[in-house]
Each structure stands twice: as C-alpha cells, then as structure tokens.
Amino acid sequence: MKKYLFIIAALFLIGTATTQVLKNKKYRNKSKEHFTIKDRTVYYDDKPLAKYQAKTYSLDDSELVEEYNLLLLDNQLTNKQLIGDLIDFVSDRHSGAEVEVEIDANGSVFEL
C-alpha cells in the first residue's frame, strides 16, 4: 500500500512540475510579444525601454562568450520582472548570448 502511495505522490509531483514549466514557457513567449527593436533601442509596447551600449566577447573556461550590454532608459522602473523579460528577449534574439542591463544609479529606485 505504501508503495502505491509513493508512486501516486511521485506522479503528482511530476505532473505539477511539468505544468509549471509549460505555464512559465507560455508566459515567457507571450511577454516577448511586447518587445520591438528599432536601430539600437528596445521598445516595450512602443515605449523606449533600453538601448544597446556594447557587444563584447570574453573567454569563460576557454570558451568564447558573446555578451550584450544594454542601458535601461527609465531608471524609475520598479518592475524587476520586466527587466528579466528584457534579458530573456535579447538573449533569445542573439541565440543565447549573455545579457547585462545597466541601470543609472543617479535617481534610481534601485539602491546601490
């Protein structure tokens, strides 16, 4: 009997985890629909959000790593999830490159 309860519990956990992964993937794809790029500026719902500053390469454990650096244009932005979505969007756009978003500390809501 204990064996069956264990199997049922394990299947329930696997099902719940799978549902969460699919839900997050759906959210990530939907959230990326809001982003567009013109020239070097990334827009969110047609409002400028960030601009590309630099593209750099570095070696990480003897592997060449491509990285994009963006500057957040609105340093009063409080929605950290939007910053995460921006990073996901740019990383996907550049085939998994690493992405950094800089926030001007002067007058920012994010304290250093």
PDB file of N, CA and C in Angstrom:
ATOM      1  N   MET A   1       0.819  -1.192   0.000  1.00  0.00           N
ATOM      2  CA  MET A   1       0.000   0.000   0.000  1.00  0.00           C
ATOM      3  C   MET A   1       0.868   1.263   0.000  1.00  0.00           C
ATOM      4  N   LYS A   2       1.926   1.239   0.834  1.00  0.00           N
ATOM      5  CA  LYS A   2       2.822   2.387   0.892  1.00  0.00           C
ATOM      6  C   LYS A   2       3.498   2.619  -0.458  1.00  0.00           C
ATOM      7  N   LYS A   3       3.783   1.537  -1.135  1.00  0.00           N
ATOM      8  CA  LYS A   3       4.435   1.612  -2.436  1.00  0.00           C
ATOM      9  C   LYS A   3       3.535   2.354  -3.432  1.00  0.00           C
ATOM     10  N   TYR A   4       2.240   2.044  -3.411  1.00  0.00           N
ATOM     11  CA  TYR A   4       1.302   2.704  -4.317  1.00  0.00           C
ATOM     12  C   TYR A   4       1.135   4.181  -3.983  1.00  0.00           C
ATOM     13  N   LEU A   5       1.104   4.493  -2.705  1.00  0.00           N
ATOM     14  CA  LEU A   5       1.002   5.903  -2.288  1.00  0.00           C
ATOM     15  C   LEU A   5       2.237   6.691  -2.740  1.00  0.00           C
ATOM     16  N   PHE A   6       3.392   6.064  -2.616  1.00  0.00           N
ATOM     17  CA  PHE A   6       4.621   6.706  -3.061  1.00  0.00           C
ATOM     18  C   PHE A   6       4.591   6.965  -4.568  1.00  0.00           C
ATOM     19  N   ILE A   7       4.139   6.004  -5.331  1.00  0.00           N
ATOM     20  CA  ILE A   7       4.061   6.151  -6.799  1.00  0.00           C
ATOM     21  C   ILE A   7       3.071   7.245  -7.162  1.00  0.00           C
ATOM     22  N   ILE A   8       1.923   7.273  -6.506  1.00  0.00           N
ATOM     23  CA  ILE A   8       0.917   8.311  -6.776  1.00  0.00           C
ATOM     24  C   ILE A   8       1.473   9.690  -6.435  1.00  0.00           C
ATOM     25  N   ALA A   9       2.151   9.809  -5.304  1.00  0.00           N
ATOM     26  CA  ALA A   9       2.732  11.090  -4.904  1.00  0.00           C
ATOM     27  C   ALA A   9       3.796  11.536  -5.904  1.00  0.00           C
ATOM     28  N   ALA A  10       4.620  10.608  -6.353  1.00  0.00           N
ATOM     29  CA  ALA A  10       5.665  10.944  -7.325  1.00  0.00           C
ATOM     30  C   ALA A  10       5.053  11.412  -8.639  1.00  0.00           C
ATOM     31  N   LEU A  11       4.015  10.731  -9.120  1.00  0.00           N
ATOM     32  CA  LEU A  11       3.343  11.139 -10.353  1.00  0.00           C
ATOM     33  C   LEU A  11       2.690  12.514 -10.199  1.00  0.00           C
ATOM     34  N   PHE A  12       2.127  12.772  -9.047  1.00  0.00           N
ATOM     35  CA  PHE A  12       1.518  14.077  -8.790  1.00  0.00           C
ATOM     36  C   PHE A  12       2.570  15.185  -8.838  1.00  0.00           C
ATOM     37  N   LEU A  13       3.719  14.954  -8.217  1.00  0.00           N
ATOM     38  CA  LEU A  13       4.797  15.954  -8.224  1.00  0.00           C
ATOM     39  C   LEU A  13       5.324  16.186  -9.636  1.00  0.00           C
ATOM     40  N   ILE A  14       5.503  15.127 -10.391  1.00  0.00           N
ATOM     41  CA  ILE A  14       5.984  15.263 -11.773  1.00  0.00           C
ATOM     42  C   ILE A  14       4.975  16.034 -12.611  1.00  0.00           C
ATOM     43  N   GLY A  15       3.701  15.735 -12.448  1.00  0.00           N
ATOM     44  CA  GLY A  15       2.655  16.435 -13.191  1.00  0.00           C
ATOM     45  C   GLY A  15       2.604  17.913 -12.844  1.00  0.00           C
ATOM     46  N   THR A  16       2.726  18.229 -11.562  1.00  0.00           N
ATOM     47  CA  THR A  16       2.717  19.628 -11.132  1.00  0.00           C
ATOM     48  C   THR A  16       3.916  20.374 -11.680  1.00  0.00           C
ATOM     49  N   ALA A  17       5.087  19.770 -11.620  1.00  0.00           N
ATOM     50  CA  ALA A  17       6.301  20.416 -12.130  1.00  0.00           C
ATOM     51  C   ALA A  17       6.199  20.653 -13.630  1.00  0.00           C
ATOM     52  N   THR A  18       5.689  19.685 -14.359  1.00  0.00           N
ATOM     53  CA  THR A  18       5.532  19.832 -15.809  1.00  0.00           C
ATOM     54  C   THR A  18       4.570  20.957 -16.140  1.00  0.00           C
ATOM     55  N   THR A  19       3.480  21.051 -15.403  1.00  0.00           N
ATOM     56  CA  THR A  19       2.506  22.122 -15.621  1.00  0.00           C
ATOM     57  C   THR A  19       3.143  23.484 -15.398  1.00  0.00           C
ATOM     58  N   GLN A  20       3.947  23.624 -14.351  1.00  0.00           N
ATOM     59  CA  GLN A  20       4.602  24.900 -14.061  1.00  0.00           C
ATOM     60  C   GLN A  20       5.585  25.282 -15.159  1.00  0.00           C
ATOM     61  N   VAL A  21       6.335  24.320 -15.651  1.00  0.00           N
ATOM     62  CA  VAL A  21       7.287  24.597 -16.726  1.00  0.00           C
ATOM     63  C   VAL A  21       6.557  25.075 -17.970  1.00  0.00           C
ATOM     64  N   LEU A  22       5.489  24.396 -18.339  1.00  0.00           N
ATOM     65  CA  LEU A  22       4.723  24.790 -19.524  1.00  0.00           C
ATOM     66  C   LEU A  22       4.074  26.154 -19.341  1.00  0.00           C
ATOM     67  N   LYS A  23       3.592  26.425 -18.140  1.00  0.00           N
ATOM     68  CA  LYS A  23       2.965  27.718 -17.859  1.00  0.00           C
ATOM     69  C   LYS A  23       3.995  28.846 -17.968  1.00  0.00           C
ATOM     70  N   ASN A  24       5.187  28.631 -17.408  1.00  0.00           N
ATOM     71  CA  ASN A  24       6.254  29.638 -17.484  1.00  0.00           C
ATOM     72  C   ASN A  24       6.702  29.857 -18.916  1.00  0.00           C
ATOM     73  N   LYS A  25       6.800  28.793 -19.693  1.00  0.00           N
ATOM     74  CA  LYS A  25       7.215  28.921 -21.095  1.00  0.00           C
ATOM     75  C   LYS A  25       6.178  29.722 -21.867  1.00  0.00           C
ATOM     76  N   LYS A  26       4.904  29.470 -21.618  1.00  0.00           N
ATOM     77  CA  LYS A  26       3.836  30.216 -22.283  1.00  0.00           C
ATOM     78  C   LYS A  26       3.909  31.689 -21.909  1.00  0.00           C
ATOM     79  N   TYR A  27       4.138  31.983 -20.609  1.00  0.00           N
ATOM     80  CA  TYR A  27       4.256  33.370 -20.164  1.00  0.00           C
ATOM     81  C   TYR A  27       5.441  34.052 -20.830  1.00  0.00           C
ATOM     82  N   ARG A  28       6.592  33.362 -20.873  1.00  0.00           N
ATOM     83  CA  ARG A  28       7.791  33.966 -21.463  1.00  0.00           C
ATOM     84  C   ARG A  28       7.569  34.298 -22.931  1.00  0.00           C
ATOM     85  N   ASN A  29       6.944  33.398 -23.678  1.00  0.00           N
ATOM     86  CA  ASN A  29       6.697  33.671 -25.090  1.00  0.00           C
ATOM     87  C   ASN A  29       5.710  34.814 -25.274  1.00  0.00           C
ATOM     88  N   LYS A  30       4.675  34.850 -24.438  1.00  0.00           N
ATOM     89  CA  LYS A  30       3.682  35.914 -24.546  1.00  0.00           C
ATOM     90  C   LYS A  30       4.287  37.262 -24.165  1.00  0.00           C
ATOM     91  N   SER A  31       5.137  37.296 -23.136  1.00  0.00           N
ATOM     92  CA  SER A  31       5.718  38.560 -22.690  1.00  0.00           C
ATOM     93  C   SER A  31       6.665  39.139 -23.741  1.00  0.00           C
ATOM     94  N   LYS A  32       7.248  38.290 -24.570  1.00  0.00           N
ATOM     95  CA  LYS A  32       8.182  38.769 -25.591  1.00  0.00           C
ATOM     96  C   LYS A  32       7.469  39.459 -26.744  1.00  0.00           C
ATOM     97  N   GLU A  33       6.176  39.247 -26.877  1.00  0.00           N
ATOM     98  CA  GLU A  33       5.415  39.888 -27.946  1.00  0.00           C
ATOM     99  C   GLU A  33       5.364  41.405 -27.779  1.00  0.00           C
ATOM    100  N   HIS A  34       5.622  41.885 -26.587  1.00  0.00           N
ATOM    101  CA  HIS A  34       5.556  43.320 -26.303  1.00  0.00           C
ATOM    102  C   HIS A  34       6.812  44.070 -26.739  1.00  0.00           C
ATOM    103  N   PHE A  35       7.896  43.339 -27.007  1.00  0.00           N
ATOM    104  CA  PHE A  35       9.171  43.968 -27.325  1.00  0.00           C
ATOM    105  C   PHE A  35       9.363  44.136 -28.830  1.00  0.00           C
ATOM    106  N   THR A  36       9.939  45.279 -29.210  1.00  0.00           N
ATOM    107  CA  THR A  36      10.371  45.518 -30.583  1.00  0.00           C
ATOM    108  C   THR A  36      11.702  46.241 -30.526  1.00  0.00           C
ATOM    109  N   ILE A  37      12.420  46.204 -31.649  1.00  0.00           N
ATOM    110  CA  ILE A  37      13.719  46.878 -31.713  1.00  0.00           C
ATOM    111  C   ILE A  37      13.765  47.743 -32.957  1.00  0.00           C
ATOM    112  N   LYS A  38      14.186  48.989 -32.765  1.00  0.00           N
ATOM    113  CA  LYS A  38      14.448  49.911 -33.872  1.00  0.00           C
ATOM    114  C   LYS A  38      15.826  50.495 -33.644  1.00  0.00           C
ATOM    115  N   ASP A  39      16.663  50.399 -34.659  1.00  0.00           N
ATOM    116  CA  ASP A  39      18.054  50.847 -34.545  1.00  0.00           C
ATOM    117  C   ASP A  39      18.700  50.164 -33.346  1.00  0.00           C
ATOM    118  N   ARG A  40      19.109  50.922 -32.352  1.00  0.00           N
ATOM    119  CA  ARG A  40      19.771  50.351 -31.174  1.00  0.00           C
ATOM    120  C   ARG A  40      18.891  50.431 -29.930  1.00  0.00           C
ATOM    121  N   THR A  41      17.602  50.720 -30.102  1.00  0.00           N
ATOM    122  CA  THR A  41      16.692  50.903 -28.976  1.00  0.00           C
ATOM    123  C   THR A  41      15.680  49.765 -28.914  1.00  0.00           C
ATOM    124  N   VAL A  42      15.478  49.264 -27.701  1.00  0.00           N
ATOM    125  CA  VAL A  42      14.479  48.228 -27.461  1.00  0.00           C
ATOM    126  C   VAL A  42      13.237  48.924 -26.895  1.00  0.00           C
ATOM    127  N   TYR A  43      12.096  48.625 -27.502  1.00  0.00           N
ATOM    128  CA  TYR A  43      10.834  49.230 -27.084  1.00  0.00           C
ATOM    129  C   TYR A  43       9.964  48.182 -26.410  1.00  0.00           C
ATOM    130  N   TYR A  44       9.204  48.627 -25.422  1.00  0.00           N
ATOM    131  CA  TYR A  44       8.208  47.786 -24.775  1.00  0.00           C
ATOM    132  C   TYR A  44       6.870  48.476 -24.953  1.00  0.00           C
ATOM    133  N   ASP A  45       5.959  47.842 -25.655  1.00  0.00           N
ATOM    134  CA  ASP A  45       4.669  48.448 -26.006  1.00  0.00           C
ATOM    135  C   ASP A  45       4.860  49.826 -26.624  1.00  0.00           C
ATOM    136  N   ASP A  46       5.782  49.914 -27.581  1.00  0.00           N
ATOM    137  CA  ASP A  46       6.079  51.129 -28.353  1.00  0.00           C
ATOM    138  C   ASP A  46       6.660  52.273 -27.521  1.00  0.00           C
ATOM    139  N   LYS A  47       7.137  51.984 -26.309  1.00  0.00           N
ATOM    140  CA  LYS A  47       7.814  52.996 -25.485  1.00  0.00           C
ATOM    141  C   LYS A  47       9.272  52.581 -25.332  1.00  0.00           C
ATOM    142  N   PRO A  48      10.217  53.508 -25.508  1.00  0.00           N
ATOM    143  CA  PRO A  48      11.636  53.136 -25.374  1.00  0.00           C
ATOM    144  C   PRO A  48      11.937  52.626 -23.966  1.00  0.00           C
ATOM    145  N   LEU A  49      12.587  51.471 -23.909  1.00  0.00           N
ATOM    146  CA  LEU A  49      12.888  50.859 -22.626  1.00  0.00           C
ATOM    147  C   LEU A  49      14.386  50.804 -22.358  1.00  0.00           C
ATOM    148  N   ALA A  50      15.160  50.409 -23.373  1.00  0.00           N
ATOM    149  CA  ALA A  50      16.606  50.262 -23.184  1.00  0.00           C
ATOM    150  C   ALA A  50      17.295  50.465 -24.520  1.00  0.00           C
ATOM    151  N   LYS A  51      18.595  50.758 -24.439  1.00  0.00           N
ATOM    152  CA  LYS A  51      19.364  50.871 -25.677  1.00  0.00           C
ATOM    153  C   LYS A  51      20.615  50.026 -25.568  1.00  0.00           C
ATOM    154  N   TYR A  52      21.002  49.477 -26.715  1.00  0.00           N
ATOM    155  CA  TYR A  52      22.230  48.701 -26.784  1.00  0.00           C
ATOM    156  C   TYR A  52      23.408  49.640 -26.576  1.00  0.00           C
ATOM    157  N   GLN A  53      24.329  49.251 -25.699  1.00  0.00           N
ATOM    158  CA  GLN A  53      25.544  50.032 -25.480  1.00  0.00           C
ATOM    159  C   GLN A  53      26.768  49.378 -26.079  1.00  0.00           C
ATOM    160  N   ALA A  54      26.852  48.055 -25.911  1.00  0.00           N
ATOM    161  CA  ALA A  54      28.073  47.382 -26.360  1.00  0.00           C
ATOM    162  C   ALA A  54      27.815  45.908 -26.601  1.00  0.00           C
ATOM    163  N   LYS A  55      28.652  45.359 -27.460  1.00  0.00           N
ATOM    164  CA  LYS A  55      28.713  43.914 -27.668  1.00  0.00           C
ATOM    165  C   LYS A  55      30.147  43.529 -27.332  1.00  0.00           C
ATOM    166  N   THR A  56      30.303  42.587 -26.428  1.00  0.00           N
ATOM    167  CA  THR A  56      31.641  42.199 -26.011  1.00  0.00           C
ATOM    168  C   THR A  56      31.808  40.684 -26.127  1.00  0.00           C
ATOM    169  N   TYR A  57      33.061  40.274 -26.174  1.00  0.00           N
ATOM    170  CA  TYR A  57      33.412  38.862 -26.160  1.00  0.00           C
ATOM    171  C   TYR A  57      34.386  38.632 -25.021  1.00  0.00           C
ATOM    172  N   SER A  58      34.261  37.478 -24.382  1.00  0.00           N
ATOM    173  CA  SER A  58      35.207  37.123 -23.340  1.00  0.00           C
ATOM    174  C   SER A  58      35.416  35.616 -23.369  1.00  0.00           C
ATOM    175  N   LEU A  59      36.463  35.179 -22.683  1.00  0.00           N
ATOM    176  CA  LEU A  59      36.721  33.751 -22.549  1.00  0.00           C
ATOM    177  C   LEU A  59      36.270  33.303 -21.172  1.00  0.00           C
ATOM    178  N   ASP A  60      35.451  32.283 -21.132  1.00  0.00           N
ATOM    179  CA  ASP A  60      34.981  31.708 -19.883  1.00  0.00           C
ATOM    180  C   ASP A  60      35.305  30.223 -19.936  1.00  0.00           C
ATOM    181  N   ASP A  61      36.280  29.810 -19.150  1.00  0.00           N
ATOM    182  CA  ASP A  61      36.776  28.430 -19.184  1.00  0.00           C
ATOM    183  C   ASP A  61      37.145  28.019 -20.611  1.00  0.00           C
ATOM    184  N   SER A  62      37.892  28.870 -21.271  1.00  0.00           N
ATOM    185  CA  SER A  62      38.392  28.659 -22.632  1.00  0.00           C
ATOM    186  C   SER A  62      37.292  28.637 -23.696  1.00  0.00           C
ATOM    187  N   GLU A  63      36.093  29.071 -23.345  1.00  0.00           N
ATOM    188  CA  GLU A  63      35.001  29.182 -24.308  1.00  0.00           C
ATOM    189  C   GLU A  63      34.743  30.646 -24.610  1.00  0.00           C
ATOM    190  N   LEU A  64      34.542  30.946 -25.879  1.00  0.00           N
ATOM    191  CA  LEU A  64      34.235  32.305 -26.293  1.00  0.00           C
ATOM    192  C   LEU A  64      32.777  32.617 -25.955  1.00  0.00           C
ATOM    193  N   VAL A  65      32.572  33.687 -25.194  1.00  0.00           N
ATOM    194  CA  VAL A  65      31.239  34.067 -24.753  1.00  0.00           C
ATOM    195  C   VAL A  65      30.885  35.419 -25.361  1.00  0.00           C
ATOM    196  N   GLU A  66      29.715  35.478 -26.010  1.00  0.00           N
ATOM    197  CA  GLU A  66      29.207  36.716 -26.588  1.00  0.00           C
ATOM    198  C   GLU A  66      28.285  37.371 -25.555  1.00  0.00           C
ATOM    199  N   GLU A  67      28.449  38.682 -25.352  1.00  0.00           N
ATOM    200  CA  GLU A  67      27.645  39.377 -24.350  1.00  0.00           C
ATOM    201  C   GLU A  67      27.163  40.714 -24.890  1.00  0.00           C
ATOM    202  N   TYR A  68      25.920  41.032 -24.581  1.00  0.00           N
ATOM    203  CA  TYR A  68      25.338  42.322 -24.967  1.00  0.00           C
ATOM    204  C   TYR A  68      25.070  43.126 -23.711  1.00  0.00           C
ATOM    205  N   ASN A  69      25.406  44.406 -23.784  1.00  0.00           N
ATOM    206  CA  ASN A  69      25.216  45.302 -22.661  1.00  0.00           C
ATOM    207  C   ASN A  69      24.185  46.355 -23.056  1.00  0.00           C
ATOM    208  N   LEU A  70      23.128  46.479 -22.255  1.00  0.00           N
ATOM    209  CA  LEU A  70      22.079  47.454 -22.518  1.00  0.00           C
ATOM    210  C   LEU A  70      21.971  48.428 -21.354  1.00  0.00           C
ATOM    211  N   LEU A  71      21.535  49.646 -21.652  1.00  0.00           N
ATOM    212  CA  LEU A  71      21.293  50.658 -20.630  1.00  0.00           C
ATOM    213  C   LEU A  71      19.795  50.869 -20.528  1.00  0.00           C
ATOM    214  N   LEU A  72      19.253  50.713 -19.333  1.00  0.00           N
ATOM    215  CA  LEU A  72      17.839  50.952 -19.102  1.00  0.00           C
ATOM    216  C   LEU A  72      17.588  52.453 -19.200  1.00  0.00           C
ATOM    217  N   LEU A  73      16.646  52.857 -20.019  1.00  0.00           N
ATOM    218  CA  LEU A  73      16.394  54.282 -20.243  1.00  0.00           C
ATOM    219  C   LEU A  73      15.541  54.915 -19.142  1.00  0.00           C
ATOM    220  N   ASP A  74      14.724  54.111 -18.478  1.00  0.00           N
ATOM    221  CA  ASP A  74      13.872  54.619 -17.407  1.00  0.00           C
ATOM    222  C   ASP A  74      14.389  54.083 -16.081  1.00  0.00           C
ATOM    223  N   ASN A  75      15.157  54.903 -15.356  1.00  0.00           N
ATOM    224  CA  ASN A  75      15.722  54.408 -14.101  1.00  0.00           C
ATOM    225  C   ASN A  75      14.726  54.482 -12.945  1.00  0.00           C
ATOM    226  N   GLN A  76      13.475  54.841 -13.229  1.00  0.00           N
ATOM    227  CA  GLN A  76      12.418  54.819 -12.223  1.00  0.00           C
ATOM    228  C   GLN A  76      11.571  53.552 -12.314  1.00  0.00           C
ATOM    229  N   LEU A  77      11.919  52.674 -13.241  1.00  0.00           N
ATOM    230  CA  LEU A  77      11.182  51.431 -13.436  1.00  0.00           C
ATOM    231  C   LEU A  77      11.298  50.568 -12.182  1.00  0.00           C
ATOM    232  N   THR A  78      10.175  50.116 -11.657  1.00  0.00           N
ATOM    233  CA  THR A  78      10.197  49.308 -10.437  1.00  0.00           C
ATOM    234  C   THR A  78       9.890  47.837 -10.703  1.00  0.00           C
ATOM    235  N   ASN A  79       9.459  47.507 -11.904  1.00  0.00           N
ATOM    236  CA  ASN A  79       9.070  46.146 -12.236  1.00  0.00           C
ATOM    237  C   ASN A  79      10.293  45.327 -12.645  1.00  0.00           C
ATOM    238  N   LYS A  80      10.842  44.589 -11.689  1.00  0.00           N
ATOM    239  CA  LYS A  80      12.027  43.774 -11.977  1.00  0.00           C
ATOM    240  C   LYS A  80      11.720  42.664 -12.976  1.00  0.00           C
ATOM    241  N   GLN A  81      10.478  42.194 -13.007  1.00  0.00           N
ATOM    242  CA  GLN A  81      10.107  41.145 -13.961  1.00  0.00           C
ATOM    243  C   GLN A  81      10.264  41.639 -15.390  1.00  0.00           C
ATOM    244  N   LEU A  82       9.971  42.921 -15.633  1.00  0.00           N
ATOM    245  CA  LEU A  82      10.136  43.488 -16.967  1.00  0.00           C
ATOM    246  C   LEU A  82      11.601  43.482 -17.381  1.00  0.00           C
ATOM    247  N   ILE A  83      12.495  43.714 -16.436  1.00  0.00           N
ATOM    248  CA  ILE A  83      13.923  43.655 -16.721  1.00  0.00           C
ATOM    249  C   ILE A  83      14.318  42.215 -17.071  1.00  0.00           C
ATOM    250  N   GLY A  84      13.792  41.252 -16.327  1.00  0.00           N
ATOM    251  CA  GLY A  84      14.049  39.844 -16.636  1.00  0.00           C
ATOM    252  C   GLY A  84      13.516  39.454 -18.002  1.00  0.00           C
ATOM    253  N   ASP A  85      12.333  39.958 -18.343  1.00  0.00           N
ATOM    254  CA  ASP A  85      11.762  39.677 -19.662  1.00  0.00           C
ATOM    255  C   ASP A  85      12.612  40.302 -20.767  1.00  0.00           C
ATOM    256  N   LEU A  86      13.137  41.486 -20.516  1.00  0.00           N
ATOM    257  CA  LEU A  86      14.027  42.148 -21.473  1.00  0.00           C
ATOM    258  C   LEU A  86      15.275  41.302 -21.710  1.00  0.00           C
ATOM    259  N   ILE A  87      15.856  40.797 -20.640  1.00  0.00           N
ATOM    260  CA  ILE A  87      17.051  39.957 -20.752  1.00  0.00           C
ATOM    261  C   ILE A  87      16.735  38.688 -21.541  1.00  0.00           C
ATOM    262  N   ASP A  88      15.597  38.058 -21.248  1.00  0.00           N
ATOM    263  CA  ASP A  88      15.192  36.857 -21.999  1.00  0.00           C
ATOM    264  C   ASP A  88      15.011  37.172 -23.478  1.00  0.00           C
ATOM    265  N   PHE A  89      14.362  38.283 -23.787  1.00  0.00           N
ATOM    266  CA  PHE A  89      14.104  38.672 -25.173  1.00  0.00           C
ATOM    267  C   PHE A  89      15.407  38.878 -25.939  1.00  0.00           C
ATOM    268  N   VAL A  90      16.325  39.636 -25.360  1.00  0.00           N
ATOM    269  CA  VAL A  90      17.596  39.930 -26.038  1.00  0.00           C
ATOM    270  C   VAL A  90      18.444  38.664 -26.147  1.00  0.00           C
ATOM    271  N   SER A  91      18.457  37.844 -25.114  1.00  0.00           N
ATOM    272  CA  SER A  91      19.227  36.602 -25.153  1.00  0.00           C
ATOM    273  C   SER A  91      18.704  35.670 -26.241  1.00  0.00           C
ATOM    274  N   ASP A  92      17.397  35.544 -26.347  1.00  0.00           N
ATOM    275  CA  ASP A  92      16.813  34.704 -27.406  1.00  0.00           C
ATOM    276  C   ASP A  92      17.093  35.281 -28.787  1.00  0.00           C
ATOM    277  N   ARG A  93      17.033  36.591 -28.903  1.00  0.00           N
ATOM    278  CA  ARG A  93      17.276  37.260 -30.187  1.00  0.00           C
ATOM    279  C   ARG A  93      18.697  37.002 -30.690  1.00  0.00           C
ATOM    280  N   HIS A  94      19.632  36.869 -29.754  1.00  0.00           N
ATOM    281  CA  HIS A  94      21.037  36.662 -30.098  1.00  0.00           C
ATOM    282  C   HIS A  94      21.502  35.253 -29.735  1.00  0.00           C
ATOM    283  N   SER A  95      20.646  34.294 -29.942  1.00  0.00           N
ATOM    284  CA  SER A  95      20.961  32.858 -29.780  1.00  0.00           C
ATOM    285  C   SER A  95      21.653  32.518 -28.466  1.00  0.00           C
ATOM    286  N   GLY A  96      21.055  32.915 -27.365  1.00  0.00           N
ATOM    287  CA  GLY A  96      21.570  32.515 -26.058  1.00  0.00           C
ATOM    288  C   GLY A  96      22.746  33.309 -25.542  1.00  0.00           C
ATOM    289  N   ALA A  97      23.036  34.462 -26.133  1.00  0.00           N
ATOM    290  CA  ALA A  97      24.143  35.284 -25.646  1.00  0.00           C
ATOM    291  C   ALA A  97      23.836  35.777 -24.232  1.00  0.00           C
ATOM    292  N   GLU A  98      24.886  36.084 -23.504  1.00  0.00           N
ATOM    293  CA  GLU A  98      24.695  36.651 -22.173  1.00  0.00           C
ATOM    294  C   GLU A  98      24.289  38.106 -22.315  1.00  0.00           C
ATOM    295  N   VAL A  99      23.434  38.574 -21.410  1.00  0.00           N
ATOM    296  CA  VAL A  99      22.900  39.930 -21.488  1.00  0.00           C
ATOM    297  C   VAL A  99      23.017  40.592 -20.121  1.00  0.00           C
ATOM    298  N   GLU A 100      23.494  41.834 -20.125  1.00  0.00           N
ATOM    299  CA  GLU A 100      23.531  42.639 -18.912  1.00  0.00           C
ATOM    300  C   GLU A 100      22.729  43.901 -19.155  1.00  0.00           C
ATOM    301  N   VAL A 101      21.963  44.305 -18.142  1.00  0.00           N
ATOM    302  CA  VAL A 101      21.202  45.547 -18.215  1.00  0.00           C
ATOM    303  C   VAL A 101      21.725  46.466 -17.120  1.00  0.00           C
ATOM    304  N   GLU A 102      22.210  47.631 -17.526  1.00  0.00           N
ATOM    305  CA  GLU A 102      22.711  48.610 -16.570  1.00  0.00           C
ATOM    306  C   GLU A 102      21.611  49.607 -16.238  1.00  0.00           C
ATOM    307  N   ILE A 103      21.573  50.007 -14.978  1.00  0.00           N
ATOM    308  CA  ILE A 103      20.610  50.997 -14.519  1.00  0.00           C
ATOM    309  C   ILE A 103      21.400  52.158 -13.943  1.00  0.00           C
ATOM    310  N   ASP A 104      21.143  53.355 -14.445  1.00  0.00           N
ATOM    311  CA  ASP A 104      21.815  54.543 -13.931  1.00  0.00           C
ATOM    312  C   ASP A 104      21.417  54.734 -12.470  1.00  0.00           C
ATOM    313  N   ALA A 105      22.389  54.716 -11.572  1.00  0.00           N
ATOM    314  CA  ALA A 105      22.111  54.809 -10.137  1.00  0.00           C
ATOM    315  C   ALA A 105      21.627  56.192  -9.725  1.00  0.00           C
ATOM    316  N   ASN A 106      21.910  57.200 -10.532  1.00  0.00           N
ATOM    317  CA  ASN A 106      21.511  58.565 -10.197  1.00  0.00           C
ATOM    318  C   ASN A 106      19.988  58.709 -10.291  1.00  0.00           C
ATOM    319  N   GLY A 107      19.326  58.812  -9.146  1.00  0.00           N
ATOM    320  CA  GLY A 107      17.885  58.967  -9.120  1.00  0.00           C
ATOM    321  C   GLY A 107      17.116  57.678  -9.306  1.00  0.00           C
ATOM    322  N   SER A 108      17.793  56.552  -9.259  1.00  0.00           N
ATOM    323  CA  SER A 108      17.148  55.260  -9.494  1.00  0.00           C
ATOM    324  C   SER A 108      16.392  54.793  -8.260  1.00  0.00           C
ATOM    325  N   VAL A 109      15.340  54.003  -8.479  1.00  0.00           N
ATOM    326  CA  VAL A 109      14.612  53.404  -7.363  1.00  0.00           C
ATOM    327  C   VAL A 109      15.343  52.181  -6.828  1.00  0.00           C
ATOM    328  N   PHE A 110      16.323  51.664  -7.572  1.00  0.00           N
ATOM    329  CA  PHE A 110      17.123  50.540  -7.113  1.00  0.00           C
ATOM    330  C   PHE A 110      18.361  51.098  -6.406  1.00  0.00           C
ATOM    331  N   GLU A 111      18.385  50.945  -5.107  1.00  0.00           N
ATOM    332  CA  GLU A 111      19.506  51.490  -4.329  1.00  0.00           C
ATOM    333  C   GLU A 111      20.738  50.614  -4.479  1.00  0.00           C
ATOM    334  N   LEU A 112      21.907  51.258  -4.480  1.00  0.00           N
ATOM    335  CA  LEU A 112      23.164  50.514  -4.546  1.00  0.00           C
ATOM    336  C   LEU A 112      23.610  50.112  -3.169  1.00  0.00           C
TER     337      LEU A 112
END
